[in-house]
N, C-alpha and C. Protein backbone atom coordinates (compact mmCIF):
# COMPACT_ATOMS: atom_id res chain seq x y z
N UNK A 1 -57.13 -23.61 -1.51
CA UNK A 1 -56.72 -22.29 -1.09
C UNK A 1 -57.80 -21.30 -1.52
N UNK A 2 -58.16 -20.43 -0.63
CA UNK A 2 -59.21 -19.44 -0.90
C UNK A 2 -58.56 -18.14 -1.33
N UNK A 3 -58.66 -17.80 -2.62
CA UNK A 3 -58.03 -16.60 -3.18
C UNK A 3 -58.77 -15.34 -2.79
N UNK A 4 -59.97 -15.44 -2.31
CA UNK A 4 -60.75 -14.27 -1.94
C UNK A 4 -60.51 -13.85 -0.50
N UNK A 5 -59.77 -14.66 0.25
CA UNK A 5 -59.53 -14.37 1.66
C UNK A 5 -58.52 -13.23 1.80
N UNK A 6 -58.78 -12.28 2.70
CA UNK A 6 -57.88 -11.17 2.94
C UNK A 6 -56.74 -11.62 3.84
N UNK A 7 -55.50 -11.10 3.61
CA UNK A 7 -54.37 -11.47 4.48
C UNK A 7 -54.59 -10.93 5.89
N UNK A 8 -54.07 -11.68 6.87
CA UNK A 8 -54.21 -11.26 8.27
C UNK A 8 -53.32 -10.06 8.54
N UNK A 9 -53.65 -9.31 9.57
CA UNK A 9 -52.86 -8.14 9.97
C UNK A 9 -51.46 -8.55 10.38
N UNK A 10 -51.35 -9.72 11.01
CA UNK A 10 -50.05 -10.21 11.46
C UNK A 10 -49.15 -10.51 10.26
N UNK A 11 -49.73 -11.14 9.24
CA UNK A 11 -48.97 -11.49 8.05
C UNK A 11 -48.56 -10.21 7.30
N UNK A 12 -49.45 -9.25 7.21
CA UNK A 12 -49.14 -7.99 6.55
C UNK A 12 -48.01 -7.27 7.27
N UNK A 13 -48.03 -7.28 8.60
CA UNK A 13 -46.98 -6.62 9.40
C UNK A 13 -45.63 -7.30 9.16
N UNK A 14 -45.62 -8.64 9.09
CA UNK A 14 -44.37 -9.37 8.84
C UNK A 14 -43.81 -9.05 7.46
N UNK A 15 -44.66 -9.02 6.46
CA UNK A 15 -44.22 -8.69 5.10
C UNK A 15 -43.67 -7.27 5.05
N UNK A 16 -44.33 -6.34 5.72
CA UNK A 16 -43.86 -4.95 5.75
C UNK A 16 -42.49 -4.86 6.42
N UNK A 17 -42.31 -5.57 7.53
CA UNK A 17 -41.02 -5.57 8.23
C UNK A 17 -39.92 -6.14 7.36
N UNK A 18 -40.22 -7.22 6.63
CA UNK A 18 -39.25 -7.84 5.74
C UNK A 18 -38.86 -6.88 4.61
N UNK A 19 -39.85 -6.22 4.03
CA UNK A 19 -39.57 -5.26 2.97
C UNK A 19 -38.72 -4.10 3.47
N UNK A 20 -38.98 -3.62 4.68
CA UNK A 20 -38.18 -2.54 5.26
C UNK A 20 -36.73 -2.98 5.44
N UNK A 21 -36.54 -4.19 5.94
CA UNK A 21 -35.17 -4.70 6.14
C UNK A 21 -34.44 -4.80 4.80
N UNK A 22 -35.11 -5.30 3.78
CA UNK A 22 -34.49 -5.41 2.47
C UNK A 22 -34.16 -4.04 1.89
N UNK A 23 -35.05 -3.09 2.07
CA UNK A 23 -34.83 -1.74 1.55
C UNK A 23 -33.62 -1.09 2.20
N UNK A 24 -33.37 -1.41 3.45
CA UNK A 24 -32.23 -0.82 4.17
C UNK A 24 -30.94 -1.54 3.83
N UNK A 25 -30.95 -2.87 3.77
CA UNK A 25 -29.70 -3.63 3.61
C UNK A 25 -29.25 -3.81 2.17
N UNK A 26 -30.13 -3.84 1.21
CA UNK A 26 -29.70 -4.04 -0.17
C UNK A 26 -28.77 -2.95 -0.67
N UNK A 27 -29.07 -1.67 -0.45
CA UNK A 27 -28.13 -0.65 -0.91
C UNK A 27 -26.76 -0.76 -0.25
N UNK A 28 -26.71 -1.23 0.99
CA UNK A 28 -25.42 -1.37 1.67
C UNK A 28 -24.56 -2.42 1.00
N UNK A 29 -25.15 -3.50 0.59
CA UNK A 29 -24.41 -4.58 -0.04
C UNK A 29 -23.95 -4.24 -1.44
N UNK A 30 -24.61 -3.33 -2.10
CA UNK A 30 -24.28 -3.00 -3.48
C UNK A 30 -23.39 -1.78 -3.62
N UNK A 31 -23.19 -1.05 -2.54
CA UNK A 31 -22.42 0.19 -2.65
C UNK A 31 -20.93 -0.09 -2.73
N UNK A 32 -20.21 0.83 -3.40
CA UNK A 32 -18.75 0.73 -3.48
C UNK A 32 -18.15 1.34 -2.22
N UNK A 33 -16.93 0.94 -1.92
CA UNK A 33 -16.23 1.48 -0.77
C UNK A 33 -15.90 2.95 -1.01
N UNK A 34 -16.26 3.80 -0.06
CA UNK A 34 -15.96 5.22 -0.22
C UNK A 34 -14.79 5.64 0.68
N UNK A 35 -14.30 4.73 1.52
CA UNK A 35 -13.12 5.00 2.34
C UNK A 35 -12.18 3.80 2.27
N UNK A 36 -10.92 4.06 2.52
CA UNK A 36 -9.91 3.01 2.54
C UNK A 36 -9.04 3.15 3.77
N UNK A 37 -8.59 2.01 4.28
CA UNK A 37 -7.59 2.02 5.35
C UNK A 37 -6.23 2.22 4.69
N UNK A 38 -5.58 3.30 5.05
CA UNK A 38 -4.28 3.67 4.47
C UNK A 38 -3.22 3.62 5.57
N UNK A 39 -2.04 3.13 5.21
CA UNK A 39 -0.93 3.12 6.16
C UNK A 39 0.35 3.37 5.37
N UNK A 40 1.41 3.71 6.09
CA UNK A 40 2.67 3.91 5.40
C UNK A 40 3.79 4.33 6.32
N UNK A 41 4.90 4.65 5.68
CA UNK A 41 6.11 5.05 6.39
C UNK A 41 6.46 6.48 6.00
N UNK A 42 7.02 7.20 6.95
CA UNK A 42 7.50 8.56 6.70
C UNK A 42 8.95 8.63 7.15
N UNK A 43 9.82 9.00 6.20
CA UNK A 43 11.24 9.16 6.53
C UNK A 43 11.65 10.60 6.25
N UNK A 44 12.61 11.08 7.02
CA UNK A 44 13.16 12.41 6.84
C UNK A 44 14.67 12.30 6.86
N UNK A 45 15.30 12.75 5.80
CA UNK A 45 16.75 12.64 5.64
C UNK A 45 17.22 11.20 5.79
N UNK A 46 16.43 10.28 5.23
CA UNK A 46 16.80 8.87 5.19
C UNK A 46 16.49 8.06 6.44
N UNK A 47 15.94 8.70 7.47
CA UNK A 47 15.65 7.99 8.72
C UNK A 47 14.16 8.07 9.03
N UNK A 48 13.59 7.03 9.67
CA UNK A 48 12.18 7.10 10.05
C UNK A 48 11.91 8.32 10.94
N UNK A 49 10.85 9.04 10.64
CA UNK A 49 10.47 10.21 11.45
C UNK A 49 10.00 9.71 12.80
N UNK A 50 10.72 10.10 13.85
CA UNK A 50 10.45 9.60 15.20
C UNK A 50 9.02 9.88 15.65
N UNK A 51 8.58 11.11 15.47
CA UNK A 51 7.21 11.48 15.84
C UNK A 51 6.77 12.67 15.01
N UNK A 52 5.47 12.78 14.84
CA UNK A 52 4.93 13.89 14.07
C UNK A 52 3.46 13.67 13.77
N UNK A 53 2.97 14.44 12.81
CA UNK A 53 1.57 14.36 12.40
C UNK A 53 1.53 14.41 10.88
N UNK A 54 0.66 13.60 10.29
CA UNK A 54 0.43 13.63 8.84
C UNK A 54 -1.02 14.02 8.61
N UNK A 55 -1.25 14.95 7.69
CA UNK A 55 -2.60 15.44 7.38
C UNK A 55 -2.89 15.22 5.91
N UNK A 56 -4.09 14.77 5.60
CA UNK A 56 -4.56 14.61 4.23
C UNK A 56 -5.70 15.61 4.02
N UNK A 57 -5.45 16.61 3.17
CA UNK A 57 -6.40 17.70 2.93
C UNK A 57 -7.02 17.51 1.54
N UNK A 58 -8.35 17.41 1.44
CA UNK A 58 -8.98 17.26 0.12
C UNK A 58 -8.63 18.46 -0.78
N UNK A 59 -8.14 18.19 -1.99
CA UNK A 59 -7.75 19.28 -2.88
C UNK A 59 -8.95 20.00 -3.48
N UNK A 60 -10.12 19.34 -3.49
CA UNK A 60 -11.32 19.98 -4.04
C UNK A 60 -12.05 20.84 -3.01
N UNK A 61 -11.53 20.88 -1.78
CA UNK A 61 -12.15 21.69 -0.74
C UNK A 61 -13.37 21.04 -0.10
N UNK A 62 -13.74 19.86 -0.56
CA UNK A 62 -14.90 19.15 0.00
C UNK A 62 -14.40 18.07 0.94
N UNK A 63 -15.12 17.86 2.00
CA UNK A 63 -14.73 16.83 2.96
C UNK A 63 -13.84 17.39 4.05
N UNK A 64 -13.48 16.51 4.95
CA UNK A 64 -12.69 16.90 6.13
C UNK A 64 -11.21 16.59 5.93
N UNK A 65 -10.39 17.39 6.59
CA UNK A 65 -8.98 17.07 6.69
C UNK A 65 -8.84 15.97 7.73
N UNK A 66 -8.11 14.91 7.37
CA UNK A 66 -7.92 13.77 8.27
C UNK A 66 -6.45 13.72 8.68
N UNK A 67 -6.22 13.56 9.99
CA UNK A 67 -4.85 13.53 10.50
C UNK A 67 -4.58 12.23 11.24
N UNK A 68 -3.31 11.90 11.33
CA UNK A 68 -2.88 10.73 12.10
C UNK A 68 -1.51 11.04 12.70
N UNK A 69 -1.26 10.44 13.84
CA UNK A 69 0.06 10.57 14.47
C UNK A 69 1.05 9.68 13.73
N UNK A 70 2.28 10.16 13.66
CA UNK A 70 3.40 9.37 13.13
C UNK A 70 4.23 8.96 14.33
N UNK A 71 4.46 7.67 14.47
CA UNK A 71 5.30 7.15 15.56
C UNK A 71 6.29 6.16 14.98
N UNK A 72 7.55 6.40 15.25
CA UNK A 72 8.63 5.55 14.72
C UNK A 72 8.52 5.38 13.20
N UNK A 73 8.14 6.46 12.52
CA UNK A 73 8.07 6.44 11.07
C UNK A 73 6.83 5.79 10.48
N UNK A 74 5.86 5.41 11.29
CA UNK A 74 4.66 4.71 10.82
C UNK A 74 3.40 5.50 11.10
N UNK A 75 2.42 5.39 10.21
CA UNK A 75 1.11 6.00 10.44
C UNK A 75 0.04 5.09 9.84
N UNK A 76 -1.19 5.26 10.29
CA UNK A 76 -2.34 4.52 9.74
C UNK A 76 -3.59 5.35 9.99
N UNK A 77 -4.49 5.34 8.99
CA UNK A 77 -5.76 6.06 9.11
C UNK A 77 -6.74 5.58 8.06
N UNK A 78 -7.95 6.08 8.13
CA UNK A 78 -9.00 5.77 7.17
C UNK A 78 -9.28 7.05 6.39
N UNK A 79 -9.25 6.95 5.03
CA UNK A 79 -9.42 8.13 4.18
C UNK A 79 -10.54 7.94 3.17
N UNK A 80 -11.21 9.04 2.87
CA UNK A 80 -12.20 9.03 1.79
C UNK A 80 -11.45 9.06 0.46
N UNK A 81 -12.11 8.64 -0.59
CA UNK A 81 -11.50 8.62 -1.92
C UNK A 81 -11.32 10.04 -2.45
N UNK A 82 -10.33 10.22 -3.30
CA UNK A 82 -10.11 11.52 -3.95
C UNK A 82 -8.68 12.00 -3.82
N UNK A 83 -8.41 13.11 -4.49
CA UNK A 83 -7.08 13.73 -4.46
C UNK A 83 -6.88 14.45 -3.13
N UNK A 84 -5.69 14.29 -2.54
CA UNK A 84 -5.37 14.92 -1.26
C UNK A 84 -4.02 15.63 -1.36
N UNK A 85 -3.93 16.75 -0.64
CA UNK A 85 -2.64 17.39 -0.40
C UNK A 85 -2.16 16.84 0.93
N UNK A 86 -0.91 16.45 1.01
CA UNK A 86 -0.36 15.82 2.21
C UNK A 86 0.54 16.81 2.93
N UNK A 87 0.31 16.98 4.23
CA UNK A 87 1.13 17.85 5.06
C UNK A 87 1.74 17.02 6.18
N UNK A 88 3.04 17.16 6.38
CA UNK A 88 3.74 16.41 7.41
C UNK A 88 4.46 17.41 8.32
N UNK A 89 4.27 17.23 9.62
CA UNK A 89 4.82 18.16 10.60
C UNK A 89 5.47 17.38 11.74
N UNK A 90 6.55 17.92 12.26
CA UNK A 90 7.20 17.32 13.42
C UNK A 90 7.85 18.43 14.23
N UNK A 91 7.43 18.56 15.46
CA UNK A 91 7.99 19.57 16.36
C UNK A 91 9.09 18.88 17.19
N UNK A 92 10.26 19.48 17.17
CA UNK A 92 11.38 18.89 17.90
C UNK A 92 12.13 19.91 18.72
N UNK A 93 12.91 19.41 19.67
CA UNK A 93 13.74 20.27 20.51
C UNK A 93 14.97 20.66 19.69
N UNK A 94 15.20 21.97 19.59
CA UNK A 94 16.33 22.48 18.81
C UNK A 94 17.37 23.16 19.68
N UNK A 95 17.11 23.20 20.96
CA UNK A 95 18.06 23.84 21.88
C UNK A 95 17.40 24.13 23.22
N UNK A 96 18.09 24.91 24.03
CA UNK A 96 17.56 25.30 25.33
C UNK A 96 17.71 26.80 25.51
N UNK A 97 16.86 27.34 26.38
CA UNK A 97 16.88 28.77 26.67
C UNK A 97 16.75 28.93 28.18
N UNK A 98 17.47 29.88 28.72
CA UNK A 98 17.39 30.17 30.15
C UNK A 98 16.24 31.14 30.39
N UNK A 99 15.31 30.76 31.30
CA UNK A 99 14.19 31.63 31.64
C UNK A 99 14.04 31.68 33.16
N UNK A 100 13.46 32.76 33.62
CA UNK A 100 13.23 32.93 35.05
C UNK A 100 11.87 32.31 35.40
N UNK A 101 11.89 31.29 36.24
CA UNK A 101 10.67 30.63 36.69
C UNK A 101 10.68 30.55 38.22
N UNK A 102 9.67 31.13 38.85
CA UNK A 102 9.59 31.09 40.31
C UNK A 102 10.79 31.73 40.99
N UNK A 103 11.34 32.76 40.36
CA UNK A 103 12.47 33.46 40.96
C UNK A 103 13.81 32.78 40.71
N UNK A 104 13.80 31.68 39.94
CA UNK A 104 15.05 30.98 39.65
C UNK A 104 15.25 30.86 38.14
N UNK A 105 16.49 30.90 37.75
CA UNK A 105 16.85 30.74 36.35
C UNK A 105 16.84 29.25 36.03
N UNK A 106 16.06 28.86 35.00
CA UNK A 106 15.96 27.44 34.63
C UNK A 106 16.09 27.29 33.11
N UNK A 107 16.64 26.15 32.73
CA UNK A 107 16.77 25.84 31.30
C UNK A 107 15.46 25.23 30.81
N UNK A 108 14.96 25.75 29.70
CA UNK A 108 13.71 25.27 29.10
C UNK A 108 14.01 24.89 27.65
N UNK A 109 13.45 23.76 27.22
CA UNK A 109 13.63 23.32 25.84
C UNK A 109 13.00 24.32 24.86
N UNK A 110 13.71 24.59 23.78
CA UNK A 110 13.18 25.41 22.69
C UNK A 110 12.75 24.44 21.59
N UNK A 111 11.47 24.53 21.22
CA UNK A 111 10.93 23.61 20.21
C UNK A 111 10.51 24.38 18.97
N UNK A 112 10.67 23.72 17.82
CA UNK A 112 10.21 24.33 16.57
C UNK A 112 9.98 23.23 15.53
N UNK A 113 9.33 23.64 14.45
CA UNK A 113 9.07 22.71 13.34
C UNK A 113 10.41 22.26 12.75
N UNK A 114 10.57 20.94 12.59
CA UNK A 114 11.82 20.42 12.07
C UNK A 114 11.72 20.00 10.60
N UNK A 115 10.50 20.01 10.06
CA UNK A 115 10.28 19.62 8.67
C UNK A 115 10.14 20.89 7.82
N UNK A 116 10.81 20.96 6.67
CA UNK A 116 10.70 22.15 5.81
C UNK A 116 9.24 22.45 5.41
N UNK A 117 8.94 23.74 5.22
CA UNK A 117 7.57 24.17 4.90
C UNK A 117 7.05 23.57 3.61
N UNK A 118 7.92 23.15 2.69
CA UNK A 118 7.43 22.56 1.44
C UNK A 118 6.76 21.20 1.67
N UNK A 119 6.87 20.68 2.90
CA UNK A 119 6.18 19.43 3.25
C UNK A 119 5.02 19.64 4.22
N UNK A 120 4.78 20.88 4.66
CA UNK A 120 3.64 21.12 5.57
C UNK A 120 2.86 22.35 5.12
N UNK A 121 3.16 23.54 5.61
CA UNK A 121 2.37 24.73 5.30
C UNK A 121 2.25 25.02 3.81
N UNK A 122 3.32 24.77 3.06
CA UNK A 122 3.33 25.00 1.61
C UNK A 122 3.56 23.69 0.87
N UNK A 123 2.90 22.66 1.33
CA UNK A 123 3.16 21.30 0.85
C UNK A 123 2.94 21.12 -0.65
N UNK A 124 3.89 20.43 -1.26
CA UNK A 124 3.78 20.03 -2.65
C UNK A 124 3.47 18.54 -2.77
N UNK A 125 3.34 17.87 -1.62
CA UNK A 125 3.05 16.43 -1.62
C UNK A 125 1.59 16.19 -1.99
N UNK A 126 1.34 15.17 -2.81
CA UNK A 126 -0.02 14.81 -3.23
C UNK A 126 -0.22 13.31 -3.12
N UNK A 127 -1.48 12.92 -2.94
CA UNK A 127 -1.84 11.50 -2.90
C UNK A 127 -3.20 11.34 -3.56
N UNK A 128 -3.33 10.33 -4.41
CA UNK A 128 -4.60 10.00 -5.05
C UNK A 128 -5.14 8.75 -4.35
N UNK A 129 -6.19 8.94 -3.56
CA UNK A 129 -6.78 7.82 -2.82
C UNK A 129 -7.89 7.24 -3.69
N UNK A 130 -7.66 6.03 -4.22
CA UNK A 130 -8.64 5.39 -5.09
C UNK A 130 -8.66 3.89 -4.82
N UNK A 131 -9.74 3.27 -5.22
CA UNK A 131 -9.86 1.82 -5.02
C UNK A 131 -8.89 1.07 -5.91
N UNK A 132 -8.35 1.72 -6.94
CA UNK A 132 -7.38 1.10 -7.84
C UNK A 132 -5.96 1.21 -7.30
N UNK A 133 -5.74 2.12 -6.35
CA UNK A 133 -4.39 2.39 -5.85
C UNK A 133 -4.00 1.49 -4.70
N UNK A 134 -2.78 1.69 -4.26
CA UNK A 134 -2.24 0.94 -3.12
C UNK A 134 -2.78 1.50 -1.82
N UNK A 135 -2.90 0.65 -0.82
CA UNK A 135 -3.32 1.10 0.50
C UNK A 135 -2.11 1.50 1.34
N UNK A 136 -0.92 1.41 0.75
CA UNK A 136 0.30 1.83 1.44
C UNK A 136 0.87 3.04 0.73
N UNK A 137 1.04 4.13 1.50
CA UNK A 137 1.59 5.36 0.95
C UNK A 137 2.80 5.76 1.81
N UNK A 138 3.98 5.69 1.23
CA UNK A 138 5.19 6.08 1.93
C UNK A 138 5.64 7.46 1.45
N UNK A 139 6.22 8.22 2.38
CA UNK A 139 6.71 9.56 2.07
C UNK A 139 8.15 9.68 2.53
N UNK A 140 9.05 9.89 1.55
CA UNK A 140 10.47 10.06 1.83
C UNK A 140 10.81 11.53 1.65
N UNK A 141 11.05 12.21 2.76
CA UNK A 141 11.29 13.65 2.72
C UNK A 141 12.78 13.95 2.73
């Protein structure tokens, strides 16, 4: 083997490409999970919440608010780690109102928030999303 021989350009390019791949993939393999798949049940007055929305708001003000639909009392989403304030909302039909539409009197559904404000606008619900915690978070309202 000739130790004084210079490496070929092709060999140098291959080594550079390999080093670039390692530099990109090694940190990915060593990093901790910063998000978790979270799922759970939401009940209101002892029954599964038929439909609604659940929001997880970072309590430190950093990051995005993440929302998911609630269907038949179930929800699922992906959340970043950290403390969250939880808001749960459900708009439901509470009655009907007569309105004039196209020259005719018609009954129209009256809808409003059916969940008390202490669970949405003024929520006291909290969740700690951590790798040590459960991936299932149930809320009994």
